[in-house]
Amino acid sequence: MRDKKTSRIRRGKKTRSRITRDRATRMNIFRTPRHIYAQVIDASGSRVLASASTLEAEVRVGVNHGGNIAAAVLVGKRIAEKALAAGVETVAFDRSGFRYHGRVKALAEAAREGGLKI
């Protein structure tokens, strides 16, 4: 029997293999109960072009708790700014097997509003 984490990792591998096959720059996210992280990784998978998380000082000033939707929105806007500054406009959204719901959805929508094409 699979547990929650194993199932999530399996779903994430399937998505990641599809993105790798298409040779797309990907925006990878990871969430914990306390924080949310986002990275923009180049098509080869070897370099991180931009990253943002609720651990950054600029984001921590804006939120009381890093594990809520308001924090995810700030991280989404910040990752969009950093990706555009790095010259990346289009990314494939790698949600790491997490459901497109709640904080994951809020981060993606904020990144779109920030000018990133997902």
PDB file of N, CA and C in Angstrom:
ATOM      1  N   MET A   1       0.834  -1.191   0.000  1.00  0.00           N
ATOM      2  CA  MET A   1       0.000   0.000   0.000  1.00  0.00           C
ATOM      3  C   MET A   1       0.873   1.246   0.000  1.00  0.00           C
ATOM      4  N   ARG A   2       0.490   2.207  -0.806  1.00  0.00           N
ATOM      5  CA  ARG A   2       1.261   3.438  -0.901  1.00  0.00           C
ATOM      6  C   ARG A   2       0.806   4.431   0.153  1.00  0.00           C
ATOM      7  N   ASP A   3       1.769   5.181   0.655  1.00  0.00           N
ATOM      8  CA  ASP A   3       1.404   6.273   1.541  1.00  0.00           C
ATOM      9  C   ASP A   3       1.335   7.560   0.723  1.00  0.00           C
ATOM     10  N   LYS A   4       0.950   8.641   1.381  1.00  0.00           N
ATOM     11  CA  LYS A   4       0.735   9.915   0.705  1.00  0.00           C
ATOM     12  C   LYS A   4       1.988  10.424  -0.007  1.00  0.00           C
ATOM     13  N   LYS A   5       3.115  10.349   0.685  1.00  0.00           N
ATOM     14  CA  LYS A   5       4.361  10.882   0.131  1.00  0.00           C
ATOM     15  C   LYS A   5       4.813  10.093  -1.094  1.00  0.00           C
ATOM     16  N   THR A   6       4.744   8.781  -1.030  1.00  0.00           N
ATOM     17  CA  THR A   6       5.153   7.945  -2.154  1.00  0.00           C
ATOM     18  C   THR A   6       4.290   8.220  -3.379  1.00  0.00           C
ATOM     19  N   SER A   7       3.003   8.371  -3.178  1.00  0.00           N
ATOM     20  CA  SER A   7       2.097   8.664  -4.290  1.00  0.00           C
ATOM     21  C   SER A   7       2.409  10.022  -4.902  1.00  0.00           C
ATOM     22  N   ARG A   8       2.689  11.010  -4.064  1.00  0.00           N
ATOM     23  CA  ARG A   8       3.022  12.343  -4.560  1.00  0.00           C
ATOM     24  C   ARG A   8       4.305  12.310  -5.373  1.00  0.00           C
ATOM     25  N   ILE A   9       5.312  11.604  -4.884  1.00  0.00           N
ATOM     26  CA  ILE A   9       6.585  11.513  -5.597  1.00  0.00           C
ATOM     27  C   ILE A   9       6.398  10.816  -6.946  1.00  0.00           C
ATOM     28  N   ARG A  10       5.576   9.775  -6.984  1.00  0.00           N
ATOM     29  CA  ARG A  10       5.297   9.074  -8.237  1.00  0.00           C
ATOM     30  C   ARG A  10       4.635  10.005  -9.247  1.00  0.00           C
ATOM     31  N   ARG A  11       3.639  10.773  -8.785  1.00  0.00           N
ATOM     32  CA  ARG A  11       2.981  11.729  -9.688  1.00  0.00           C
ATOM     33  C   ARG A  11       3.961  12.784 -10.175  1.00  0.00           C
ATOM     34  N   GLY A  12       4.839  13.236  -9.308  1.00  0.00           N
ATOM     35  CA  GLY A  12       5.823  14.248  -9.674  1.00  0.00           C
ATOM     36  C   GLY A  12       6.795  13.751 -10.721  1.00  0.00           C
ATOM     37  N   LYS A  13       7.218  12.505 -10.618  1.00  0.00           N
ATOM     38  CA  LYS A  13       8.154  11.928 -11.599  1.00  0.00           C
ATOM     39  C   LYS A  13       7.539  11.898 -12.990  1.00  0.00           C
ATOM     40  N   LYS A  14       6.260  11.540 -13.058  1.00  0.00           N
ATOM     41  CA  LYS A  14       5.573  11.465 -14.349  1.00  0.00           C
ATOM     42  C   LYS A  14       5.537  12.844 -15.016  1.00  0.00           C
ATOM     43  N   THR A  15       5.185  13.858 -14.239  1.00  0.00           N
ATOM     44  CA  THR A  15       5.128  15.223 -14.770  1.00  0.00           C
ATOM     45  C   THR A  15       6.514  15.695 -15.190  1.00  0.00           C
ATOM     46  N   ARG A  16       7.508  15.437 -14.345  1.00  0.00           N
ATOM     47  CA  ARG A  16       8.874  15.881 -14.610  1.00  0.00           C
ATOM     48  C   ARG A  16       9.449  15.232 -15.862  1.00  0.00           C
ATOM     49  N   SER A  17       9.131  13.959 -16.087  1.00  0.00           N
ATOM     50  CA  SER A  17       9.637  13.284 -17.285  1.00  0.00           C
ATOM     51  C   SER A  17       9.025  13.886 -18.549  1.00  0.00           C
ATOM     52  N   ARG A  18       7.758  14.268 -18.472  1.00  0.00           N
ATOM     53  CA  ARG A  18       7.099  14.901 -19.611  1.00  0.00           C
ATOM     54  C   ARG A  18       7.727  16.259 -19.916  1.00  0.00           C
ATOM     55  N   ILE A  19       8.013  17.022 -18.869  1.00  0.00           N
ATOM     56  CA  ILE A  19       8.630  18.342 -19.056  1.00  0.00           C
ATOM     57  C   ILE A  19      10.035  18.193 -19.630  1.00  0.00           C
ATOM     58  N   THR A  20      10.795  17.212 -19.132  1.00  0.00           N
ATOM     59  CA  THR A  20      12.156  16.965 -19.618  1.00  0.00           C
ATOM     60  C   THR A  20      12.132  16.562 -21.087  1.00  0.00           C
ATOM     61  N   ARG A  21      11.172  15.708 -21.459  1.00  0.00           N
ATOM     62  CA  ARG A  21      11.046  15.269 -22.849  1.00  0.00           C
ATOM     63  C   ARG A  21      10.802  16.461 -23.781  1.00  0.00           C
ATOM     64  N   ASP A  22      10.019  17.435 -23.315  1.00  0.00           N
ATOM     65  CA  ASP A  22       9.699  18.606 -24.130  1.00  0.00           C
ATOM     66  C   ASP A  22      10.793  19.669 -24.099  1.00  0.00           C
ATOM     67  N   ARG A  23      11.843  19.438 -23.296  1.00  0.00           N
ATOM     68  CA  ARG A  23      12.982  20.364 -23.179  1.00  0.00           C
ATOM     69  C   ARG A  23      12.515  21.779 -22.825  1.00  0.00           C
ATOM     70  N   ALA A  24      11.684  21.888 -21.813  1.00  0.00           N
ATOM     71  CA  ALA A  24      11.119  23.175 -21.405  1.00  0.00           C
ATOM     72  C   ALA A  24      11.781  23.665 -20.120  1.00  0.00           C
ATOM     73  N   THR A  25      11.882  24.963 -19.992  1.00  0.00           N
ATOM     74  CA  THR A  25      12.290  25.555 -18.724  1.00  0.00           C
ATOM     75  C   THR A  25      11.142  25.345 -17.757  1.00  0.00           C
ATOM     76  N   ARG A  26      11.452  24.880 -16.543  1.00  0.00           N
ATOM     77  CA  ARG A  26      10.362  24.545 -15.632  1.00  0.00           C
ATOM     78  C   ARG A  26      10.404  25.365 -14.357  1.00  0.00           C
ATOM     79  N   MET A  27       9.213  25.621 -13.831  1.00  0.00           N
ATOM     80  CA  MET A  27       9.093  26.248 -12.522  1.00  0.00           C
ATOM     81  C   MET A  27       8.661  25.151 -11.557  1.00  0.00           C
ATOM     82  N   ASN A  28       9.556  24.808 -10.657  1.00  0.00           N
ATOM     83  CA  ASN A  28       9.335  23.743  -9.700  1.00  0.00           C
ATOM     84  C   ASN A  28       8.896  24.343  -8.371  1.00  0.00           C
ATOM     85  N   ILE A  29       7.904  23.743  -7.740  1.00  0.00           N
ATOM     86  CA  ILE A  29       7.480  24.223  -6.428  1.00  0.00           C
ATOM     87  C   ILE A  29       7.560  23.088  -5.430  1.00  0.00           C
ATOM     88  N   PHE A  30       7.714  23.464  -4.181  1.00  0.00           N
ATOM     89  CA  PHE A  30       7.697  22.514  -3.076  1.00  0.00           C
ATOM     90  C   PHE A  30       7.044  23.215  -1.899  1.00  0.00           C
ATOM     91  N   ARG A  31       6.198  22.485  -1.186  1.00  0.00           N
ATOM     92  CA  ARG A  31       5.554  23.105  -0.041  1.00  0.00           C
ATOM     93  C   ARG A  31       5.673  22.220   1.181  1.00  0.00           C
ATOM     94  N   THR A  32       5.778  22.859   2.327  1.00  0.00           N
ATOM     95  CA  THR A  32       5.743  22.195   3.613  1.00  0.00           C
ATOM     96  C   THR A  32       4.634  22.892   4.398  1.00  0.00           C
ATOM     97  N   PRO A  33       4.268  22.387   5.558  1.00  0.00           N
ATOM     98  CA  PRO A  33       3.234  23.089   6.317  1.00  0.00           C
ATOM     99  C   PRO A  33       3.616  24.517   6.707  1.00  0.00           C
ATOM    100  N   ARG A  34       4.893  24.805   6.812  1.00  0.00           N
ATOM    101  CA  ARG A  34       5.333  26.141   7.237  1.00  0.00           C
ATOM    102  C   ARG A  34       5.803  27.056   6.118  1.00  0.00           C
ATOM    103  N   HIS A  35       6.247  26.506   5.002  1.00  0.00           N
ATOM    104  CA  HIS A  35       6.854  27.318   3.951  1.00  0.00           C
ATOM    105  C   HIS A  35       6.451  26.820   2.566  1.00  0.00           C
ATOM    106  N   ILE A  36       6.743  27.661   1.560  1.00  0.00           N
ATOM    107  CA  ILE A  36       6.568  27.269   0.164  1.00  0.00           C
ATOM    108  C   ILE A  36       7.765  27.818  -0.608  1.00  0.00           C
ATOM    109  N   TYR A  37       8.266  27.006  -1.526  1.00  0.00           N
ATOM    110  CA  TYR A  37       9.469  27.334  -2.283  1.00  0.00           C
ATOM    111  C   TYR A  37       9.170  27.222  -3.770  1.00  0.00           C
ATOM    112  N   ALA A  38       9.847  28.055  -4.577  1.00  0.00           N
ATOM    113  CA  ALA A  38       9.703  27.983  -6.034  1.00  0.00           C
ATOM    114  C   ALA A  38      11.064  28.196  -6.677  1.00  0.00           C
ATOM    115  N   GLN A  39      11.333  27.432  -7.734  1.00  0.00           N
ATOM    116  CA  GLN A  39      12.575  27.573  -8.482  1.00  0.00           C
ATOM    117  C   GLN A  39      12.262  27.533  -9.969  1.00  0.00           C
ATOM    118  N   VAL A  40      13.001  28.322 -10.741  1.00  0.00           N
ATOM    119  CA  VAL A  40      12.939  28.240 -12.196  1.00  0.00           C
ATOM    120  C   VAL A  40      14.234  27.573 -12.622  1.00  0.00           C
ATOM    121  N   ILE A  41      14.106  26.406 -13.279  1.00  0.00           N
ATOM    122  CA  ILE A  41      15.250  25.579 -13.647  1.00  0.00           C
ATOM    123  C   ILE A  41      15.339  25.513 -15.164  1.00  0.00           C
ATOM    124  N   ASP A  42      16.569  25.647 -15.716  1.00  0.00           N
ATOM    125  CA  ASP A  42      16.734  25.649 -17.166  1.00  0.00           C
ATOM    126  C   ASP A  42      16.371  24.292 -17.764  1.00  0.00           C
ATOM    127  N   ALA A  43      16.274  24.237 -19.089  1.00  0.00           N
ATOM    128  CA  ALA A  43      15.782  23.053 -19.786  1.00  0.00           C
ATOM    129  C   ALA A  43      16.660  21.827 -19.563  1.00  0.00           C
ATOM    130  N   SER A  44      17.959  22.021 -19.362  1.00  0.00           N
ATOM    131  CA  SER A  44      18.837  20.871 -19.141  1.00  0.00           C
ATOM    132  C   SER A  44      18.687  20.313 -17.731  1.00  0.00           C
ATOM    133  N   GLY A  45      18.123  21.100 -16.829  1.00  0.00           N
ATOM    134  CA  GLY A  45      17.926  20.656 -15.457  1.00  0.00           C
ATOM    135  C   GLY A  45      19.142  20.831 -14.579  1.00  0.00           C
ATOM    136  N   SER A  46      20.153  21.517 -15.092  1.00  0.00           N
ATOM    137  CA  SER A  46      21.404  21.622 -14.341  1.00  0.00           C
ATOM    138  C   SER A  46      21.604  22.967 -13.642  1.00  0.00           C
ATOM    139  N   ARG A  47      20.805  23.970 -14.001  1.00  0.00           N
ATOM    140  CA  ARG A  47      21.006  25.298 -13.398  1.00  0.00           C
ATOM    141  C   ARG A  47      19.701  25.875 -12.896  1.00  0.00           C
ATOM    142  N   VAL A  48      19.769  26.484 -11.722  1.00  0.00           N
ATOM    143  CA  VAL A  48      18.623  27.217 -11.177  1.00  0.00           C
ATOM    144  C   VAL A  48      18.772  28.666 -11.635  1.00  0.00           C
ATOM    145  N   LEU A  49      17.791  29.148 -12.385  1.00  0.00           N
ATOM    146  CA  LEU A  49      17.854  30.503 -12.930  1.00  0.00           C
ATOM    147  C   LEU A  49      17.297  31.534 -11.960  1.00  0.00           C
ATOM    148  N   ALA A  50      16.295  31.142 -11.166  1.00  0.00           N
ATOM    149  CA  ALA A  50      15.688  32.051 -10.190  1.00  0.00           C
ATOM    150  C   ALA A  50      15.045  31.209  -9.095  1.00  0.00           C
ATOM    151  N   SER A  51      15.007  31.770  -7.900  1.00  0.00           N
ATOM    152  CA  SER A  51      14.345  31.061  -6.805  1.00  0.00           C
ATOM    153  C   SER A  51      13.708  32.067  -5.860  1.00  0.00           C
ATOM    154  N   ALA A  52      12.664  31.628  -5.186  1.00  0.00           N
ATOM    155  CA  ALA A  52      11.978  32.461  -4.191  1.00  0.00           C
ATOM    156  C   ALA A  52      11.335  31.528  -3.168  1.00  0.00           C
ATOM    157  N   SER A  53      11.250  31.999  -1.947  1.00  0.00           N
ATOM    158  CA  SER A  53      10.597  31.203  -0.910  1.00  0.00           C
ATOM    159  C   SER A  53      10.136  32.113   0.219  1.00  0.00           C
ATOM    160  N   THR A  54       9.387  31.538   1.125  1.00  0.00           N
ATOM    161  CA  THR A  54       8.919  32.301   2.282  1.00  0.00           C
ATOM    162  C   THR A  54      10.029  32.497   3.306  1.00  0.00           C
ATOM    163  N   LEU A  55      11.201  31.963   3.061  1.00  0.00           N
ATOM    164  CA  LEU A  55      12.341  32.160   3.958  1.00  0.00           C
ATOM    165  C   LEU A  55      13.090  33.457   3.663  1.00  0.00           C
ATOM    166  N   GLU A  56      12.831  34.060   2.511  1.00  0.00           N
ATOM    167  CA  GLU A  56      13.510  35.308   2.144  1.00  0.00           C
ATOM    168  C   GLU A  56      13.042  36.448   3.034  1.00  0.00           C
ATOM    169  N   ALA A  57      13.960  37.330   3.372  1.00  0.00           N
ATOM    170  CA  ALA A  57      13.664  38.446   4.266  1.00  0.00           C
ATOM    171  C   ALA A  57      12.568  39.354   3.693  1.00  0.00           C
ATOM    172  N   GLU A  58      12.597  39.598   2.370  1.00  0.00           N
ATOM    173  CA  GLU A  58      11.610  40.476   1.747  1.00  0.00           C
ATOM    174  C   GLU A  58      10.203  39.900   1.835  1.00  0.00           C
ATOM    175  N   VAL A  59      10.091  38.591   1.766  1.00  0.00           N
ATOM    176  CA  VAL A  59       8.784  37.935   1.840  1.00  0.00           C
ATOM    177  C   VAL A  59       8.326  37.843   3.293  1.00  0.00           C
ATOM    178  N   ARG A  60       9.246  37.559   4.195  1.00  0.00           N
ATOM    179  CA  ARG A  60       8.896  37.396   5.612  1.00  0.00           C
ATOM    180  C   ARG A  60       8.324  38.670   6.218  1.00  0.00           C
ATOM    181  N   VAL A  61       8.753  39.820   5.711  1.00  0.00           N
ATOM    182  CA  VAL A  61       8.231  41.096   6.196  1.00  0.00           C
ATOM    183  C   VAL A  61       6.741  41.212   5.867  1.00  0.00           C
ATOM    184  N   GLY A  62       6.344  40.688   4.717  1.00  0.00           N
ATOM    185  CA  GLY A  62       4.969  40.834   4.248  1.00  0.00           C
ATOM    186  C   GLY A  62       3.969  39.853   4.829  1.00  0.00           C
ATOM    187  N   VAL A  63       4.438  38.782   5.476  1.00  0.00           N
ATOM    188  CA  VAL A  63       3.514  37.773   5.994  1.00  0.00           C
ATOM    189  C   VAL A  63       3.860  37.380   7.423  1.00  0.00           C
ATOM    190  N   ASN A  64       2.841  36.976   8.168  1.00  0.00           N
ATOM    191  CA  ASN A  64       3.070  36.498   9.534  1.00  0.00           C
ATOM    192  C   ASN A  64       3.460  35.027   9.539  1.00  0.00           C
ATOM    193  N   HIS A  65       2.834  34.246   8.665  1.00  0.00           N
ATOM    194  CA  HIS A  65       3.048  32.802   8.623  1.00  0.00           C
ATOM    195  C   HIS A  65       3.324  32.397   7.178  1.00  0.00           C
ATOM    196  N   GLY A  66       4.353  31.604   6.943  1.00  0.00           N
ATOM    197  CA  GLY A  66       4.741  31.223   5.591  1.00  0.00           C
ATOM    198  C   GLY A  66       3.907  30.120   4.977  1.00  0.00           C
ATOM    199  N   GLY A  67       3.017  29.509   5.736  1.00  0.00           N
ATOM    200  CA  GLY A  67       2.260  28.376   5.231  1.00  0.00           C
ATOM    201  C   GLY A  67       0.831  28.697   4.872  1.00  0.00           C
ATOM    202  N   ASN A  68       0.571  29.880   4.330  1.00  0.00           N
ATOM    203  CA  ASN A  68      -0.796  30.215   3.945  1.00  0.00           C
ATOM    204  C   ASN A  68      -0.844  30.771   2.521  1.00  0.00           C
ATOM    205  N   ILE A  69      -2.045  31.030   2.044  1.00  0.00           N
ATOM    206  CA  ILE A  69      -2.224  31.476   0.656  1.00  0.00           C
ATOM    207  C   ILE A  69      -1.608  32.850   0.425  1.00  0.00           C
ATOM    208  N   ALA A  70      -1.689  33.742   1.407  1.00  0.00           N
ATOM    209  CA  ALA A  70      -1.101  35.081   1.243  1.00  0.00           C
ATOM    210  C   ALA A  70       0.399  34.984   1.012  1.00  0.00           C
ATOM    211  N   ALA A  71       1.065  34.096   1.715  1.00  0.00           N
ATOM    212  CA  ALA A  71       2.504  33.902   1.535  1.00  0.00           C
ATOM    213  C   ALA A  71       2.797  33.321   0.154  1.00  0.00           C
ATOM    214  N   ALA A  72       1.966  32.393  -0.304  1.00  0.00           N
ATOM    215  CA  ALA A  72       2.150  31.784  -1.621  1.00  0.00           C
ATOM    216  C   ALA A  72       2.005  32.820  -2.726  1.00  0.00           C
ATOM    217  N   VAL A  73       1.079  33.757  -2.557  1.00  0.00           N
ATOM    218  CA  VAL A  73       0.893  34.823  -3.547  1.00  0.00           C
ATOM    219  C   VAL A  73       2.150  35.694  -3.622  1.00  0.00           C
ATOM    220  N   LEU A  74       2.721  36.046  -2.488  1.00  0.00           N
ATOM    221  CA  LEU A  74       3.953  36.846  -2.480  1.00  0.00           C
ATOM    222  C   LEU A  74       5.108  36.110  -3.146  1.00  0.00           C
ATOM    223  N   VAL A  75       5.234  34.822  -2.879  1.00  0.00           N
ATOM    224  CA  VAL A  75       6.300  34.029  -3.497  1.00  0.00           C
ATOM    225  C   VAL A  75       6.073  33.947  -5.005  1.00  0.00           C
ATOM    226  N   GLY A  76       4.832  33.790  -5.444  1.00  0.00           N
ATOM    227  CA  GLY A  76       4.520  33.749  -6.869  1.00  0.00           C
ATOM    228  C   GLY A  76       4.895  35.028  -7.585  1.00  0.00           C
ATOM    229  N   LYS A  77       4.589  36.171  -6.971  1.00  0.00           N
ATOM    230  CA  LYS A  77       4.956  37.460  -7.579  1.00  0.00           C
ATOM    231  C   LYS A  77       6.471  37.623  -7.627  1.00  0.00           C
ATOM    232  N   ARG A  78       7.124  37.193  -6.561  1.00  0.00           N
ATOM    233  CA  ARG A  78       8.588  37.333  -6.471  1.00  0.00           C
ATOM    234  C   ARG A  78       9.301  36.438  -7.486  1.00  0.00           C
ATOM    235  N   ILE A  79       8.826  35.214  -7.659  1.00  0.00           N
ATOM    236  CA  ILE A  79       9.469  34.323  -8.624  1.00  0.00           C
ATOM    237  C   ILE A  79       9.262  34.835 -10.048  1.00  0.00           C
ATOM    238  N   ALA A  80       8.110  35.440 -10.316  1.00  0.00           N
ATOM    239  CA  ALA A  80       7.859  36.011 -11.646  1.00  0.00           C
ATOM    240  C   ALA A  80       8.826  37.167 -11.916  1.00  0.00           C
ATOM    241  N   GLU A  81       9.019  38.039 -10.931  1.00  0.00           N
ATOM    242  CA  GLU A  81       9.966  39.145 -11.084  1.00  0.00           C
ATOM    243  C   GLU A  81      11.363  38.630 -11.380  1.00  0.00           C
ATOM    244  N   LYS A  82      11.808  37.666 -10.587  1.00  0.00           N
ATOM    245  CA  LYS A  82      13.165  37.145 -10.740  1.00  0.00           C
ATOM    246  C   LYS A  82      13.352  36.403 -12.056  1.00  0.00           C
ATOM    247  N   ALA A  83      12.336  35.653 -12.490  1.00  0.00           N
ATOM    248  CA  ALA A  83      12.434  34.922 -13.750  1.00  0.00           C
ATOM    249  C   ALA A  83      12.489  35.884 -14.931  1.00  0.00           C
ATOM    250  N   LEU A  84      11.649  36.902 -14.906  1.00  0.00           N
ATOM    251  CA  LEU A  84      11.672  37.887 -15.990  1.00  0.00           C
ATOM    252  C   LEU A  84      13.002  38.628 -16.023  1.00  0.00           C
ATOM    253  N   ALA A  85      13.574  38.918 -14.863  1.00  0.00           N
ATOM    254  CA  ALA A  85      14.885  39.576 -14.796  1.00  0.00           C
ATOM    255  C   ALA A  85      15.978  38.668 -15.358  1.00  0.00           C
ATOM    256  N   ALA A  86      15.802  37.353 -15.224  1.00  0.00           N
ATOM    257  CA  ALA A  86      16.772  36.394 -15.754  1.00  0.00           C
ATOM    258  C   ALA A  86      16.535  36.110 -17.236  1.00  0.00           C
ATOM    259  N   GLY A  87      15.491  36.697 -17.822  1.00  0.00           N
ATOM    260  CA  GLY A  87      15.214  36.534 -19.240  1.00  0.00           C
ATOM    261  C   GLY A  87      14.303  35.361 -19.568  1.00  0.00           C
ATOM    262  N   VAL A  88      13.617  34.824 -18.586  1.00  0.00           N
ATOM    263  CA  VAL A  88      12.707  33.699 -18.809  1.00  0.00           C
ATOM    264  C   VAL A  88      11.278  34.231 -18.803  1.00  0.00           C
ATOM    265  N   GLU A  89      10.542  33.959 -19.880  1.00  0.00           N
ATOM    266  CA  GLU A  89       9.160  34.421 -19.968  1.00  0.00           C
ATOM    267  C   GLU A  89       8.156  33.276 -19.908  1.00  0.00           C
ATOM    268  N   THR A  90       8.545  32.098 -20.417  1.00  0.00           N
ATOM    269  CA  THR A  90       7.645  30.953 -20.476  1.00  0.00           C
ATOM    270  C   THR A  90       8.247  29.795 -19.695  1.00  0.00           C
ATOM    271  N   VAL A  91       7.432  29.181 -18.855  1.00  0.00           N
ATOM    272  CA  VAL A  91       7.883  28.029 -18.069  1.00  0.00           C
ATOM    273  C   VAL A  91       6.807  26.940 -18.081  1.00  0.00           C
ATOM    274  N   ALA A  92       7.241  25.719 -17.831  1.00  0.00           N
ATOM    275  CA  ALA A  92       6.320  24.605 -17.607  1.00  0.00           C
ATOM    276  C   ALA A  92       6.157  24.494 -16.095  1.00  0.00           C
ATOM    277  N   PHE A  93       4.946  24.330 -15.630  1.00  0.00           N
ATOM    278  CA  PHE A  93       4.676  24.321 -14.198  1.00  0.00           C
ATOM    279  C   PHE A  93       4.827  22.907 -13.646  1.00  0.00           C
ATOM    280  N   ASP A  94       5.836  22.706 -12.826  1.00  0.00           N
ATOM    281  CA  ASP A  94       6.088  21.418 -12.179  1.00  0.00           C
ATOM    282  C   ASP A  94       5.617  21.534 -10.737  1.00  0.00           C
ATOM    283  N   ARG A  95       4.465  20.963 -10.449  1.00  0.00           N
ATOM    284  CA  ARG A  95       3.889  21.106  -9.114  1.00  0.00           C
ATOM    285  C   ARG A  95       4.341  20.010  -8.170  1.00  0.00           C
ATOM    286  N   SER A  96       5.307  19.184  -8.599  1.00  0.00           N
ATOM    287  CA  SER A  96       5.923  18.134  -7.774  1.00  0.00           C
ATOM    288  C   SER A  96       4.909  17.150  -7.212  1.00  0.00           C
ATOM    289  N   GLY A  97       3.844  16.894  -7.936  1.00  0.00           N
ATOM    290  CA  GLY A  97       2.846  15.931  -7.500  1.00  0.00           C
ATOM    291  C   GLY A  97       1.804  16.488  -6.551  1.00  0.00           C
ATOM    292  N   PHE A  98       1.935  17.750  -6.146  1.00  0.00           N
ATOM    293  CA  PHE A  98       0.927  18.354  -5.274  1.00  0.00           C
ATOM    294  C   PHE A  98      -0.314  18.688  -6.099  1.00  0.00           C
ATOM    295  N   ARG A  99      -1.484  18.628  -5.478  1.00  0.00           N
ATOM    296  CA  ARG A  99      -2.719  18.976  -6.173  1.00  0.00           C
ATOM    297  C   ARG A  99      -2.719  20.452  -6.547  1.00  0.00           C
ATOM    298  N   TYR A 100      -3.293  20.778  -7.708  1.00  0.00           N
ATOM    299  CA  TYR A 100      -3.412  22.173  -8.138  1.00  0.00           C
ATOM    300  C   TYR A 100      -4.585  22.772  -7.383  1.00  0.00           C
ATOM    301  N   HIS A 101      -4.302  23.209  -6.156  1.00  0.00           N
ATOM    302  CA  HIS A 101      -5.355  23.603  -5.241  1.00  0.00           C
ATOM    303  C   HIS A 101      -4.711  24.408  -4.121  1.00  0.00           C
ATOM    304  N   GLY A 102      -5.409  25.375  -3.575  1.00  0.00           N
ATOM    305  CA  GLY A 102      -4.911  26.105  -2.410  1.00  0.00           C
ATOM    306  C   GLY A 102      -3.663  26.914  -2.692  1.00  0.00           C
ATOM    307  N   ARG A 103      -2.618  26.646  -1.917  1.00  0.00           N
ATOM    308  CA  ARG A 103      -1.383  27.418  -2.035  1.00  0.00           C
ATOM    309  C   ARG A 103      -0.684  27.231  -3.373  1.00  0.00           C
ATOM    310  N   VAL A 104      -0.738  26.025  -3.916  1.00  0.00           N
ATOM    311  CA  VAL A 104      -0.096  25.757  -5.205  1.00  0.00           C
ATOM    312  C   VAL A 104      -0.781  26.573  -6.300  1.00  0.00           C
ATOM    313  N   LYS A 105      -2.098  26.584  -6.293  1.00  0.00           N
ATOM    314  CA  LYS A 105      -2.867  27.350  -7.274  1.00  0.00           C
ATOM    315  C   LYS A 105      -2.630  28.846  -7.097  1.00  0.00           C
ATOM    316  N   ALA A 106      -2.584  29.330  -5.852  1.00  0.00           N
ATOM    317  CA  ALA A 106      -2.362  30.750  -5.587  1.00  0.00           C
ATOM    318  C   ALA A 106      -0.997  31.190  -6.088  1.00  0.00           C
ATOM    319  N   LEU A 107       0.031  30.365  -5.899  1.00  0.00           N
ATOM    320  CA  LEU A 107       1.369  30.695  -6.370  1.00  0.00           C
ATOM    321  C   LEU A 107       1.389  30.776  -7.893  1.00  0.00           C
ATOM    322  N   ALA A 108       0.781  29.806  -8.562  1.00  0.00           N
ATOM    323  CA  ALA A 108       0.766  29.786 -10.028  1.00  0.00           C
ATOM    324  C   ALA A 108       0.029  30.993 -10.597  1.00  0.00           C
ATOM    325  N   GLU A 109      -1.118  31.317 -10.021  1.00  0.00           N
ATOM    326  CA  GLU A 109      -1.885  32.461 -10.526  1.00  0.00           C
ATOM    327  C   GLU A 109      -1.157  33.776 -10.288  1.00  0.00           C
ATOM    328  N   ALA A 110      -0.478  33.900  -9.144  1.00  0.00           N
ATOM    329  CA  ALA A 110       0.289  35.119  -8.868  1.00  0.00           C
ATOM    330  C   ALA A 110       1.465  35.248  -9.833  1.00  0.00           C
ATOM    331  N   ALA A 111       2.091  34.128 -10.178  1.00  0.00           N
ATOM    332  CA  ALA A 111       3.182  34.163 -11.150  1.00  0.00           C
ATOM    333  C   ALA A 111       2.682  34.585 -12.526  1.00  0.00           C
ATOM    334  N   ARG A 112       1.489  34.104 -12.895  1.00  0.00           N
ATOM    335  CA  ARG A 112       0.891  34.534 -14.169  1.00  0.00           C
ATOM    336  C   ARG A 112       0.601  36.031 -14.162  1.00  0.00           C
ATOM    337  N   GLU A 113       0.053  36.516 -13.056  1.00  0.00           N
ATOM    338  CA  GLU A 113      -0.227  37.954 -12.947  1.00  0.00           C
ATOM    339  C   GLU A 113       1.056  38.766 -12.988  1.00  0.00           C
ATOM    340  N   GLY A 114       2.136  38.185 -12.515  1.00  0.00           N
ATOM    341  CA  GLY A 114       3.434  38.854 -12.525  1.00  0.00           C
ATOM    342  C   GLY A 114       4.076  38.900 -13.907  1.00  0.00           C
ATOM    343  N   GLY A 115       3.481  38.237 -14.896  1.00  0.00           N
ATOM    344  CA  GLY A 115       3.972  38.311 -16.265  1.00  0.00           C
ATOM    345  C   GLY A 115       4.585  37.034 -16.793  1.00  0.00           C
ATOM    346  N   LEU A 116       4.594  35.966 -15.999  1.00  0.00           N
ATOM    347  CA  LEU A 116       5.160  34.689 -16.442  1.00  0.00           C
ATOM    348  C   LEU A 116       4.088  33.903 -17.193  1.00  0.00           C
ATOM    349  N   LYS A 117       4.468  33.292 -18.314  1.00  0.00           N
ATOM    350  CA  LYS A 117       3.537  32.458 -19.086  1.00  0.00           C
ATOM    351  C   LYS A 117       3.734  31.019 -18.640  1.00  0.00           C
ATOM    352  N   ILE A 118       2.674  30.442 -18.089  1.00  0.00           N
ATOM    353  CA  ILE A 118       2.744  29.050 -17.607  1.00  0.00           C
ATOM    354  C   ILE A 118       1.887  28.180 -18.494  1.00  0.00           C
TER     355      ILE A 118
END
